[in-house]
Each structure stands twice: as structure tokens, then as C-alpha cells.
């Protein structure tokens, strides 16, 4: 058993032994779960952290999805006034896998109260999870992935044509 508090060098030795034996995981990052509302009232619209959990980067997408589901259930118990409509991620791949598992399970039903509002959005992804929950991945990470994809020597296949960095560079030089 590894203690969570350090009062002497003995506890540090126990932690190091546990890390060496792979019986203890060391968190290198953290997941922060927070709730916020869509409101004009700044007090209501502020973000309220609900949980901070260490990650050792060995969790799987399904494990992280279960973690998210647990937070959503706790959020429902905490507030009957509000409904969670979207969950967001910074774009980390395992978090992204979890978001897909939780929020992209079936198409938004035409009978849903939000369908009439969203149906006009041509590029909208209409996959939702329980209670019509949607996902929001951090756009900066999406653009970063796209940039990295375009910079690969192999390039990107578009309509049976390879667009490569060399081709893009040649195009820029022609302009």
C-alpha cells in the first residue's frame, strides 16, 4: 500500500518501489471536469470545476468514456435545473475516443426539441449521445492535426490526386 501523504522518506521509498514494480501509476496530466451554463448572467455563465483526476496516459478511450459518464450522472444528481448539452475536449486522442463513444451514438431524432433549430446547419454533425448530448473538440488541435497532415511528405489524397508539401510550395512560388 502506497500512502497518499508524505511524512518521511519511507513513503517516498514506497512510492518509488511501487512505480518500479508497476503497481502504482504516476499521473503526468490531469483531466479537469467543469460545468458551465449558457446564460447572460456572468455568475451563472462562469465555469464551475467539479473534478480533477490525474492521468497516467495508460487509460483507454472506453475507460475514459466511463469516467465521463460518471461525471455526467453526478451532474444530473447535482442539478435538476440544468441539462448538459455538450461536452468538450482539448483534442487528446483518448479523450476524443471517449467523446465519440459518449456523444456520437445515433442520429438526432426529428422529434427532438433541438432538431428544428439545428436542422438548418448544413455542416452540422447530427450524431448525439444520451439526452441529445453533443461533443466539442478544441478547434486549435483539429487545425494542428490538419496542418501536420498536410506537411507529411506523402501528402493527402483528394479525388485521386496526391497533394504534397512540394506541390503546395510550388504553387506558392507561382503566385
Foldseek 3Di string as FASTA:
>chain_A
DQDPDDDDVVSVVVVVVCVVVVVDADFPDKDWDWDADPDPPVVRRDIGTDDIGGDRPPDALVRVLVVVVVVQVVVVVVDVPDHAAEDEDQADVSPVSSQCVAFQDDFDDCPDPCCVVCVVPPPDDRGGHPPNHHYHYNVVVVVVVVVVQCADQQADQDPNDGRHPVNVVVVVVVD
